[in-house]
Amino acid sequence: MMSSCPVDHSLDDVKQKLEDQKDVMPAPLYHDTARFFHDGQPQSILNEGFHLLKKYDLAGEAEKEKRNAALQQLVQRGE
């Protein structure tokens, strides 16, 4: 998991962060992630998702690959 953060992020925060990163994410991953967060998730999942999306656009390719895999795992865990 990413470094812990004392801030709880709202569903709206996560959705906004996802929208911010839409153009730099693989389209299937964006759609899966958007669907996953559509109806909300437990706070721990919201926080994890937010931190995976935070500064995603600034990450190098290797870091993006790691984040993509982590987001995919997050989505699959919640299904």
C-alpha atoms as a PDB file:
ATOM      1  CA  MET A   1       0.000   0.000   0.000  1.00  0.00           C
ATOM      2  CA  MET A   2       1.075   3.571  -0.565  1.00  0.00           C
ATOM      3  CA  SER A   3       2.386   5.653   2.317  1.00  0.00           C
ATOM      4  CA  SER A   4      -0.280   6.321   4.897  1.00  0.00           C
ATOM      5  CA  CYS A   5      -2.018   9.657   4.949  1.00  0.00           C
ATOM      6  CA  PRO A   6      -4.015  11.014   7.873  1.00  0.00           C
ATOM      7  CA  VAL A   7      -6.571  12.613   5.534  1.00  0.00           C
ATOM      8  CA  ASP A   8      -9.730  10.731   4.625  1.00  0.00           C
ATOM      9  CA  HIS A   9     -10.619  11.403   1.000  1.00  0.00           C
ATOM     10  CA  SER A  10     -14.254  11.640  -0.052  1.00  0.00           C
ATOM     11  CA  LEU A  11     -15.818   9.776  -2.954  1.00  0.00           C
ATOM     12  CA  ASP A  12     -16.013  13.107  -4.786  1.00  0.00           C
ATOM     13  CA  ASP A  13     -12.256  13.638  -4.214  1.00  0.00           C
ATOM     14  CA  VAL A  14     -11.506  10.248  -5.740  1.00  0.00           C
ATOM     15  CA  LYS A  15     -13.853  10.780  -8.694  1.00  0.00           C
ATOM     16  CA  GLN A  16     -12.319  14.199  -9.386  1.00  0.00           C
ATOM     17  CA  LYS A  17      -8.792  12.796  -9.177  1.00  0.00           C
ATOM     18  CA  LEU A  18      -9.795  10.019 -11.578  1.00  0.00           C
ATOM     19  CA  GLU A  19     -11.238  12.563 -14.027  1.00  0.00           C
ATOM     20  CA  ASP A  20      -8.043  14.611 -13.754  1.00  0.00           C
ATOM     21  CA  GLN A  21      -6.012  11.560 -14.832  1.00  0.00           C
ATOM     22  CA  LYS A  22      -8.419  10.204 -17.459  1.00  0.00           C
ATOM     23  CA  ASP A  23      -6.385  11.350 -20.462  1.00  0.00           C
ATOM     24  CA  VAL A  24      -3.152   9.731 -19.282  1.00  0.00           C
ATOM     25  CA  MET A  25      -4.601   6.399 -18.121  1.00  0.00           C
ATOM     26  CA  PRO A  26      -5.274   3.342 -20.276  1.00  0.00           C
ATOM     27  CA  ALA A  27      -8.957   3.656 -21.276  1.00  0.00           C
ATOM     28  CA  PRO A  28     -10.051   0.203 -20.025  1.00  0.00           C
ATOM     29  CA  LEU A  29      -8.466   0.868 -16.629  1.00  0.00           C
ATOM     30  CA  TYR A  30     -10.129   4.264 -16.422  1.00  0.00           C
ATOM     31  CA  HIS A  31     -13.549   2.749 -17.173  1.00  0.00           C
ATOM     32  CA  ASP A  32     -13.092  -0.137 -14.729  1.00  0.00           C
ATOM     33  CA  THR A  33     -11.948   2.262 -12.011  1.00  0.00           C
ATOM     34  CA  ALA A  34     -14.769   4.746 -12.673  1.00  0.00           C
ATOM     35  CA  ARG A  35     -17.336   1.932 -12.497  1.00  0.00           C
ATOM     36  CA  PHE A  36     -15.742   0.612  -9.298  1.00  0.00           C
ATOM     37  CA  PHE A  37     -15.960   3.977  -7.522  1.00  0.00           C
ATOM     38  CA  HIS A  38     -19.349   4.938  -8.981  1.00  0.00           C
ATOM     39  CA  ASP A  39     -21.407   3.907  -5.945  1.00  0.00           C
ATOM     40  CA  GLY A  40     -18.790   4.501  -3.291  1.00  0.00           C
ATOM     41  CA  GLN A  41     -16.429   2.253  -1.383  1.00  0.00           C
ATOM     42  CA  PRO A  42     -15.216   1.909   2.217  1.00  0.00           C
ATOM     43  CA  GLN A  43     -13.004   4.754   3.418  1.00  0.00           C
ATOM     44  CA  SER A  44      -9.808   2.686   3.294  1.00  0.00           C
ATOM     45  CA  ILE A  45     -10.460   1.888  -0.386  1.00  0.00           C
ATOM     46  CA  LEU A  46     -11.225   5.537  -1.188  1.00  0.00           C
ATOM     47  CA  ASN A  47      -7.941   6.587   0.407  1.00  0.00           C
ATOM     48  CA  GLU A  48      -5.955   3.898  -1.397  1.00  0.00           C
ATOM     49  CA  GLY A  49      -7.535   4.796  -4.737  1.00  0.00           C
ATOM     50  CA  PHE A  50      -6.902   8.507  -4.212  1.00  0.00           C
ATOM     51  CA  HIS A  51      -3.220   7.955  -3.514  1.00  0.00           C
ATOM     52  CA  LEU A  52      -2.787   5.669  -6.520  1.00  0.00           C
ATOM     53  CA  LEU A  53      -4.314   8.385  -8.711  1.00  0.00           C
ATOM     54  CA  LYS A  54      -2.522  11.319  -7.083  1.00  0.00           C
ATOM     55  CA  LYS A  55       0.195  12.708  -9.386  1.00  0.00           C
ATOM     56  CA  TYR A  56      -0.351   9.728 -11.703  1.00  0.00           C
ATOM     57  CA  ASP A  57       0.306  12.010 -14.680  1.00  0.00           C
ATOM     58  CA  LEU A  58       3.736  12.891 -13.291  1.00  0.00           C
ATOM     59  CA  ALA A  59       4.823   9.300 -12.695  1.00  0.00           C
ATOM     60  CA  GLY A  60       7.358   7.593 -14.943  1.00  0.00           C
ATOM     61  CA  GLU A  61       6.358   4.605 -17.049  1.00  0.00           C
ATOM     62  CA  ALA A  62       7.549   2.034 -14.496  1.00  0.00           C
ATOM     63  CA  GLU A  63       5.626   3.781 -11.716  1.00  0.00           C
ATOM     64  CA  LYS A  64       2.506   4.012 -13.893  1.00  0.00           C
ATOM     65  CA  GLU A  65       2.720   0.273 -14.561  1.00  0.00           C
ATOM     66  CA  LYS A  66       2.858  -0.371 -10.804  1.00  0.00           C
ATOM     67  CA  ARG A  67      -0.080   1.931 -10.180  1.00  0.00           C
ATOM     68  CA  ASN A  68      -2.065   0.399 -13.031  1.00  0.00           C
ATOM     69  CA  ALA A  69      -1.561  -3.045 -11.527  1.00  0.00           C
ATOM     70  CA  ALA A  70      -2.487  -1.796  -8.047  1.00  0.00           C
ATOM     71  CA  LEU A  71      -5.654  -0.111  -9.346  1.00  0.00           C
ATOM     72  CA  GLN A  72      -6.614  -3.270 -11.230  1.00  0.00           C
ATOM     73  CA  GLN A  73      -6.125  -5.306  -8.045  1.00  0.00           C
ATOM     74  CA  LEU A  74      -8.202  -2.810  -6.083  1.00  0.00           C
ATOM     75  CA  VAL A  75     -11.058  -3.055  -8.578  1.00  0.00           C
ATOM     76  CA  GLN A  76     -10.911  -6.864  -8.680  1.00  0.00           C
ATOM     77  CA  ARG A  77     -10.824  -7.093  -4.885  1.00  0.00           C
ATOM     78  CA  GLY A  78     -14.021  -5.073  -4.704  1.00  0.00           C
ATOM     79  CA  GLU A  79     -15.969  -7.117  -7.240  1.00  0.00           C
END
